[in-house]
Amino acid sequence: MLGLIPLLFGNLGTPELIIIVVVVLLLFGGKKIPELMRGIGKGVRSFKEGMNDITDEINRPADETTDDKSNKENKK
């Protein structure tokens, strides 16, 4: 499946991108595109925040166990 992705997107040249932009303009119009881009930006931001939260949760228990070991050593 991962080998298929470069085949799908690797051969896009300037003419193909221009056609895609024209089709998007025809479908959504000039006024609707900024709203769509704003929505996509919010979605990407939300995804990144979620990924950061998950990374923090994964790393937090490792930090807590390190703190517990150092507290035990300080008490001795």
PDB file of N, CA and C in Angstrom:
ATOM      1  N   MET A   1       0.827  -1.196   0.000  1.00  0.00           N
ATOM      2  CA  MET A   1       0.000   0.000   0.000  1.00  0.00           C
ATOM      3  C   MET A   1       0.869   1.257   0.000  1.00  0.00           C
ATOM      4  N   LEU A   2       1.949   1.263   0.808  1.00  0.00           N
ATOM      5  CA  LEU A   2       2.797   2.449   0.861  1.00  0.00           C
ATOM      6  C   LEU A   2       3.535   2.678  -0.448  1.00  0.00           C
ATOM      7  N   GLY A   3       3.800   1.620  -1.195  1.00  0.00           N
ATOM      8  CA  GLY A   3       4.455   1.760  -2.484  1.00  0.00           C
ATOM      9  C   GLY A   3       3.566   2.392  -3.530  1.00  0.00           C
ATOM     10  N   LEU A   4       2.258   2.381  -3.304  1.00  0.00           N
ATOM     11  CA  LEU A   4       1.297   2.935  -4.253  1.00  0.00           C
ATOM     12  C   LEU A   4       1.217   4.457  -4.169  1.00  0.00           C
ATOM     13  N   ILE A   5       1.504   5.023  -3.007  1.00  0.00           N
ATOM     14  CA  ILE A   5       1.372   6.475  -2.803  1.00  0.00           C
ATOM     15  C   ILE A   5       2.287   7.275  -3.739  1.00  0.00           C
ATOM     16  N   PRO A   6       3.574   6.945  -3.859  1.00  0.00           N
ATOM     17  CA  PRO A   6       4.399   7.725  -4.804  1.00  0.00           C
ATOM     18  C   PRO A   6       3.906   7.602  -6.247  1.00  0.00           C
ATOM     19  N   LEU A   7       3.326   6.464  -6.605  1.00  0.00           N
ATOM     20  CA  LEU A   7       2.813   6.308  -7.960  1.00  0.00           C
ATOM     21  C   LEU A   7       1.619   7.214  -8.211  1.00  0.00           C
ATOM     22  N   LEU A   8       0.805   7.419  -7.195  1.00  0.00           N
ATOM     23  CA  LEU A   8      -0.379   8.255  -7.359  1.00  0.00           C
ATOM     24  C   LEU A   8      -0.034   9.740  -7.434  1.00  0.00           C
ATOM     25  N   PHE A   9       0.901  10.186  -6.625  1.00  0.00           N
ATOM     26  CA  PHE A   9       1.192  11.618  -6.520  1.00  0.00           C
ATOM     27  C   PHE A   9       2.526  12.015  -7.142  1.00  0.00           C
ATOM     28  N   GLY A  10       3.357  11.081  -7.475  1.00  0.00           N
ATOM     29  CA  GLY A  10       4.688  11.384  -7.981  1.00  0.00           C
ATOM     30  C   GLY A  10       4.714  11.931  -9.385  1.00  0.00           C
ATOM     31  N   ASN A  11       3.668  11.688 -10.160  1.00  0.00           N
ATOM     32  CA  ASN A  11       3.673  12.100 -11.563  1.00  0.00           C
ATOM     33  C   ASN A  11       2.848  13.350 -11.829  1.00  0.00           C
ATOM     34  N   LEU A  12       2.519  14.108 -10.799  1.00  0.00           N
ATOM     35  CA  LEU A  12       1.757  15.335 -10.995  1.00  0.00           C
ATOM     36  C   LEU A  12       2.688  16.452 -11.439  1.00  0.00           C
ATOM     37  N   GLY A  13       2.397  16.974 -12.613  1.00  0.00           N
ATOM     38  CA  GLY A  13       3.180  18.089 -13.126  1.00  0.00           C
ATOM     39  C   GLY A  13       2.384  19.369 -13.058  1.00  0.00           C
ATOM     40  N   THR A  14       2.940  20.413 -13.630  1.00  0.00           N
ATOM     41  CA  THR A  14       2.288  21.717 -13.621  1.00  0.00           C
ATOM     42  C   THR A  14       0.931  21.702 -14.335  1.00  0.00           C
ATOM     43  N   PRO A  15       0.815  21.080 -15.503  1.00  0.00           N
ATOM     44  CA  PRO A  15      -0.502  21.088 -16.166  1.00  0.00           C
ATOM     45  C   PRO A  15      -1.585  20.384 -15.334  1.00  0.00           C
ATOM     46  N   GLU A  16      -1.224  19.281 -14.692  1.00  0.00           N
ATOM     47  CA  GLU A  16      -2.194  18.560 -13.878  1.00  0.00           C
ATOM     48  C   GLU A  16      -2.636  19.384 -12.679  1.00  0.00           C
ATOM     49  N   LEU A  17      -1.683  20.070 -12.045  1.00  0.00           N
ATOM     50  CA  LEU A  17      -2.020  20.911 -10.895  1.00  0.00           C
ATOM     51  C   LEU A  17      -2.917  22.077 -11.302  1.00  0.00           C
ATOM     52  N   ILE A  18      -2.667  22.655 -12.477  1.00  0.00           N
ATOM     53  CA  ILE A  18      -3.507  23.750 -12.967  1.00  0.00           C
ATOM     54  C   ILE A  18      -4.925  23.255 -13.212  1.00  0.00           C
ATOM     55  N   ILE A  19      -5.055  22.073 -13.786  1.00  0.00           N
ATOM     56  CA  ILE A  19      -6.387  21.503 -14.025  1.00  0.00           C
ATOM     57  C   ILE A  19      -7.106  21.264 -12.709  1.00  0.00           C
ATOM     58  N   ILE A  20      -6.405  20.753 -11.717  1.00  0.00           N
ATOM     59  CA  ILE A  20      -7.010  20.507 -10.398  1.00  0.00           C
ATOM     60  C   ILE A  20      -7.487  21.818  -9.786  1.00  0.00           C
ATOM     61  N   VAL A  21      -6.676  22.868  -9.855  1.00  0.00           N
ATOM     62  CA  VAL A  21      -7.046  24.169  -9.291  1.00  0.00           C
ATOM     63  C   VAL A  21      -8.276  24.731 -10.012  1.00  0.00           C
ATOM     64  N   VAL A  22      -8.320  24.607 -11.331  1.00  0.00           N
ATOM     65  CA  VAL A  22      -9.469  25.107 -12.094  1.00  0.00           C
ATOM     66  C   VAL A  22     -10.735  24.348 -11.712  1.00  0.00           C
ATOM     67  N   VAL A  23     -10.638  23.032 -11.573  1.00  0.00           N
ATOM     68  CA  VAL A  23     -11.809  22.234 -11.201  1.00  0.00           C
ATOM     69  C   VAL A  23     -12.291  22.621  -9.807  1.00  0.00           C
ATOM     70  N   VAL A  24     -11.369  22.819  -8.877  1.00  0.00           N
ATOM     71  CA  VAL A  24     -11.754  23.228  -7.518  1.00  0.00           C
ATOM     72  C   VAL A  24     -12.430  24.588  -7.557  1.00  0.00           C
ATOM     73  N   LEU A  25     -11.897  25.520  -8.335  1.00  0.00           N
ATOM     74  CA  LEU A  25     -12.522  26.837  -8.464  1.00  0.00           C
ATOM     75  C   LEU A  25     -13.929  26.738  -9.052  1.00  0.00           C
ATOM     76  N   LEU A  26     -14.099  25.895 -10.035  1.00  0.00           N
ATOM     77  CA  LEU A  26     -15.417  25.730 -10.649  1.00  0.00           C
ATOM     78  C   LEU A  26     -16.409  25.098  -9.687  1.00  0.00           C
ATOM     79  N   LEU A  27     -15.945  24.128  -8.908  1.00  0.00           N
ATOM     80  CA  LEU A  27     -16.847  23.428  -7.991  1.00  0.00           C
ATOM     81  C   LEU A  27     -17.251  24.289  -6.796  1.00  0.00           C
ATOM     82  N   PHE A  28     -16.289  24.988  -6.214  1.00  0.00           N
ATOM     83  CA  PHE A  28     -16.547  25.679  -4.956  1.00  0.00           C
ATOM     84  C   PHE A  28     -16.669  27.187  -5.087  1.00  0.00           C
ATOM     85  N   GLY A  29     -16.128  27.761  -6.109  1.00  0.00           N
ATOM     86  CA  GLY A  29     -16.198  29.208  -6.275  1.00  0.00           C
ATOM     87  C   GLY A  29     -15.117  29.909  -5.470  1.00  0.00           C
ATOM     88  N   GLY A  30     -14.862  31.152  -5.825  1.00  0.00           N
ATOM     89  CA  GLY A  30     -13.789  31.923  -5.194  1.00  0.00           C
ATOM     90  C   GLY A  30     -14.054  32.292  -3.745  1.00  0.00           C
ATOM     91  N   LYS A  31     -15.324  32.445  -3.380  1.00  0.00           N
ATOM     92  CA  LYS A  31     -15.649  32.853  -2.007  1.00  0.00           C
ATOM     93  C   LYS A  31     -15.591  31.693  -1.034  1.00  0.00           C
ATOM     94  N   LYS A  32     -15.823  30.497  -1.513  1.00  0.00           N
ATOM     95  CA  LYS A  32     -15.902  29.343  -0.626  1.00  0.00           C
ATOM     96  C   LYS A  32     -14.523  28.754  -0.316  1.00  0.00           C
ATOM     97  N   ILE A  33     -13.545  28.955  -1.180  1.00  0.00           N
ATOM     98  CA  ILE A  33     -12.228  28.346  -0.997  1.00  0.00           C
ATOM     99  C   ILE A  33     -11.532  28.817   0.282  1.00  0.00           C
ATOM    100  N   PRO A  34     -11.533  30.120   0.626  1.00  0.00           N
ATOM    101  CA  PRO A  34     -10.899  30.516   1.894  1.00  0.00           C
ATOM    102  C   PRO A  34     -11.539  29.840   3.105  1.00  0.00           C
ATOM    103  N   GLU A  35     -12.857  29.648   3.061  1.00  0.00           N
ATOM    104  CA  GLU A  35     -13.523  28.959   4.165  1.00  0.00           C
ATOM    105  C   GLU A  35     -13.069  27.509   4.246  1.00  0.00           C
ATOM    106  N   LEU A  36     -12.929  26.870   3.090  1.00  0.00           N
ATOM    107  CA  LEU A  36     -12.452  25.486   3.071  1.00  0.00           C
ATOM    108  C   LEU A  36     -11.028  25.384   3.613  1.00  0.00           C
ATOM    109  N   MET A  37     -10.174  26.312   3.200  1.00  0.00           N
ATOM    110  CA  MET A  37      -8.784  26.293   3.665  1.00  0.00           C
ATOM    111  C   MET A  37      -8.708  26.556   5.171  1.00  0.00           C
ATOM    112  N   ARG A  38      -9.550  27.450   5.667  1.00  0.00           N
ATOM    113  CA  ARG A  38      -9.606  27.730   7.092  1.00  0.00           C
ATOM    114  C   ARG A  38     -10.005  26.468   7.863  1.00  0.00           C
ATOM    115  N   GLY A  39     -10.998  25.754   7.344  1.00  0.00           N
ATOM    116  CA  GLY A  39     -11.441  24.518   7.976  1.00  0.00           C
ATOM    117  C   GLY A  39     -10.361  23.455   7.965  1.00  0.00           C
ATOM    118  N   ILE A  40      -9.642  23.351   6.855  1.00  0.00           N
ATOM    119  CA  ILE A  40      -8.548  22.385   6.773  1.00  0.00           C
ATOM    120  C   ILE A  40      -7.448  22.760   7.756  1.00  0.00           C
ATOM    121  N   GLY A  41      -7.141  24.048   7.867  1.00  0.00           N
ATOM    122  CA  GLY A  41      -6.123  24.504   8.823  1.00  0.00           C
ATOM    123  C   GLY A  41      -6.505  24.176  10.252  1.00  0.00           C
ATOM    124  N   LYS A  42      -7.767  24.385  10.600  1.00  0.00           N
ATOM    125  CA  LYS A  42      -8.226  24.053  11.956  1.00  0.00           C
ATOM    126  C   LYS A  42      -8.127  22.558  12.207  1.00  0.00           C
ATOM    127  N   GLY A  43      -8.457  21.763  11.194  1.00  0.00           N
ATOM    128  CA  GLY A  43      -8.360  20.311  11.333  1.00  0.00           C
ATOM    129  C   GLY A  43      -6.926  19.854  11.535  1.00  0.00           C
ATOM    130  N   VAL A  44      -6.007  20.425  10.769  1.00  0.00           N
ATOM    131  CA  VAL A  44      -4.591  20.064  10.906  1.00  0.00           C
ATOM    132  C   VAL A  44      -4.076  20.490  12.281  1.00  0.00           C
ATOM    133  N   ARG A  45      -4.454  21.677  12.741  1.00  0.00           N
ATOM    134  CA  ARG A  45      -4.030  22.156  14.059  1.00  0.00           C
ATOM    135  C   ARG A  45      -4.551  21.243  15.164  1.00  0.00           C
ATOM    136  N   SER A  46      -5.810  20.845  15.046  1.00  0.00           N
ATOM    137  CA  SER A  46      -6.404  19.944  16.035  1.00  0.00           C
ATOM    138  C   SER A  46      -5.689  18.598  16.033  1.00  0.00           C
ATOM    139  N   PHE A  47      -5.350  18.101  14.855  1.00  0.00           N
ATOM    140  CA  PHE A  47      -4.630  16.832  14.751  1.00  0.00           C
ATOM    141  C   PHE A  47      -3.266  16.925  15.413  1.00  0.00           C
ATOM    142  N   LYS A  48      -2.535  18.012  15.155  1.00  0.00           N
ATOM    143  CA  LYS A  48      -1.212  18.189  15.763  1.00  0.00           C
ATOM    144  C   LYS A  48      -1.306  18.281  17.283  1.00  0.00           C
ATOM    145  N   GLU A  49      -2.319  19.003  17.791  1.00  0.00           N
ATOM    146  CA  GLU A  49      -2.501  19.103  19.238  1.00  0.00           C
ATOM    147  C   GLU A  49      -2.793  17.737  19.842  1.00  0.00           C
ATOM    148  N   GLY A  50      -3.605  16.953  19.157  1.00  0.00           N
ATOM    149  CA  GLY A  50      -3.904  15.599  19.628  1.00  0.00           C
ATOM    150  C   GLY A  50      -2.662  14.729  19.651  1.00  0.00           C
ATOM    151  N   MET A  51      -1.839  14.847  18.617  1.00  0.00           N
ATOM    152  CA  MET A  51      -0.595  14.070  18.578  1.00  0.00           C
ATOM    153  C   MET A  51       0.342  14.493  19.706  1.00  0.00           C
ATOM    154  N   ASN A  52       0.426  15.798  19.982  1.00  0.00           N
ATOM    155  CA  ASN A  52       1.270  16.275  21.073  1.00  0.00           C
ATOM    156  C   ASN A  52       0.752  15.785  22.421  1.00  0.00           C
ATOM    157  N   ASP A  53      -0.573  15.774  22.596  1.00  0.00           N
ATOM    158  CA  ASP A  53      -1.154  15.279  23.843  1.00  0.00           C
ATOM    159  C   ASP A  53      -0.824  13.811  24.054  1.00  0.00           C
ATOM    160  N   ILE A  54      -0.925  13.024  22.996  1.00  0.00           N
ATOM    161  CA  ILE A  54      -0.613  11.596  23.101  1.00  0.00           C
ATOM    162  C   ILE A  54       0.859  11.408  23.421  1.00  0.00           C
ATOM    163  N   THR A  55       1.726  12.165  22.772  1.00  0.00           N
ATOM    164  CA  THR A  55       3.165  12.069  23.046  1.00  0.00           C
ATOM    165  C   THR A  55       3.459  12.444  24.492  1.00  0.00           C
ATOM    166  N   ASP A  56       2.794  13.488  24.997  1.00  0.00           N
ATOM    167  CA  ASP A  56       2.986  13.892  26.389  1.00  0.00           C
ATOM    168  C   ASP A  56       2.530  12.802  27.343  1.00  0.00           C
ATOM    169  N   GLU A  57       1.410  12.150  27.028  1.00  0.00           N
ATOM    170  CA  GLU A  57       0.910  11.084  27.894  1.00  0.00           C
ATOM    171  C   GLU A  57       1.843   9.891  27.890  1.00  0.00           C
ATOM    172  N   ILE A  58       2.433   9.596  26.747  1.00  0.00           N
ATOM    173  CA  ILE A  58       3.370   8.470  26.666  1.00  0.00           C
ATOM    174  C   ILE A  58       4.626   8.779  27.463  1.00  0.00           C
ATOM    175  N   ASN A  59       5.133  10.000  27.366  1.00  0.00           N
ATOM    176  CA  ASN A  59       6.381  10.368  28.036  1.00  0.00           C
ATOM    177  C   ASN A  59       6.190  10.652  29.524  1.00  0.00           C
ATOM    178  N   ARG A  60       5.010  11.051  29.937  1.00  0.00           N
ATOM    179  CA  ARG A  60       4.765  11.416  31.332  1.00  0.00           C
ATOM    180  C   ARG A  60       5.037  10.266  32.310  1.00  0.00           C
ATOM    181  N   PRO A  61       4.523   9.058  32.087  1.00  0.00           N
ATOM    182  CA  PRO A  61       4.804   7.987  33.045  1.00  0.00           C
ATOM    183  C   PRO A  61       6.297   7.682  33.166  1.00  0.00           C
ATOM    184  N   ALA A  62       7.044   7.813  32.076  1.00  0.00           N
ATOM    185  CA  ALA A  62       8.484   7.588  32.139  1.00  0.00           C
ATOM    186  C   ALA A  62       9.142   8.644  33.024  1.00  0.00           C
ATOM    187  N   ASP A  63       8.692   9.868  32.947  1.00  0.00           N
ATOM    188  CA  ASP A  63       9.238  10.931  33.787  1.00  0.00           C
ATOM    189  C   ASP A  63       8.877  10.704  35.250  1.00  0.00           C
ATOM    190  N   GLU A  64       7.653  10.251  35.510  1.00  0.00           N
ATOM    191  CA  GLU A  64       7.222  10.030  36.884  1.00  0.00           C
ATOM    192  C   GLU A  64       8.015   8.913  37.542  1.00  0.00           C
ATOM    193  N   THR A  65       8.332   7.854  36.800  1.00  0.00           N
ATOM    194  CA  THR A  65       9.106   6.758  37.386  1.00  0.00           C
ATOM    195  C   THR A  65      10.529   7.216  37.668  1.00  0.00           C
ATOM    196  N   THR A  66      11.071   8.067  36.836  1.00  0.00           N
ATOM    197  CA  THR A  66      12.404   8.612  37.078  1.00  0.00           C
ATOM    198  C   THR A  66      12.395   9.483  38.327  1.00  0.00           C
ATOM    199  N   ASP A  67      11.346  10.292  38.497  1.00  0.00           N
ATOM    200  CA  ASP A  67      11.228  11.137  39.682  1.00  0.00           C
ATOM    201  C   ASP A  67      11.079  10.289  40.937  1.00  0.00           C
ATOM    202  N   ASP A  68      10.329   9.189  40.866  1.00  0.00           N
ATOM    203  CA  ASP A  68      10.151   8.308  42.020  1.00  0.00           C
ATOM    204  C   ASP A  68      11.480   7.699  42.453  1.00  0.00           C
ATOM    205  N   LYS A  69      12.320   7.284  41.496  1.00  0.00           N
ATOM    206  CA  LYS A  69      13.618   6.699  41.822  1.00  0.00           C
ATOM    207  C   LYS A  69      14.515   7.743  42.491  1.00  0.00           C
ATOM    208  N   SER A  70      14.515   8.958  41.991  1.00  0.00           N
ATOM    209  CA  SER A  70      15.376   9.979  42.560  1.00  0.00           C
ATOM    210  C   SER A  70      14.884  10.370  43.955  1.00  0.00           C
ATOM    211  N   ASN A  71      13.568  10.355  44.186  1.00  0.00           N
ATOM    212  CA  ASN A  71      13.032  10.662  45.529  1.00  0.00           C
ATOM    213  C   ASN A  71      13.426   9.580  46.524  1.00  0.00           C
ATOM    214  N   LYS A  72      13.438   8.320  46.138  1.00  0.00           N
ATOM    215  CA  LYS A  72      13.831   7.218  47.013  1.00  0.00           C
ATOM    216  C   LYS A  72      15.303   7.332  47.370  1.00  0.00           C
ATOM    217  N   GLU A  73      16.132   7.704  46.402  1.00  0.00           N
ATOM    218  CA  GLU A  73      17.572   7.832  46.648  1.00  0.00           C
ATOM    219  C   GLU A  73      17.842   9.015  47.588  1.00  0.00           C
ATOM    220  N   ASN A  74      17.097  10.073  47.458  1.00  0.00           N
ATOM    221  CA  ASN A  74      17.283  11.249  48.320  1.00  0.00           C
ATOM    222  C   ASN A  74      16.875  10.950  49.751  1.00  0.00           C
ATOM    223  N   LYS A  75      15.877  10.090  49.954  1.00  0.00           N
ATOM    224  CA  LYS A  75      15.416   9.752  51.288  1.00  0.00           C
ATOM    225  C   LYS A  75      16.420   8.902  52.036  1.00  0.00           C
ATOM    226  N   LYS A  76      17.222   8.112  51.321  1.00  0.00           N
ATOM    227  CA  LYS A  76      18.197   7.212  51.975  1.00  0.00           C
ATOM    228  C   LYS A  76      19.352   7.995  52.465  1.00  0.00           C
TER     229      LYS A  76
END
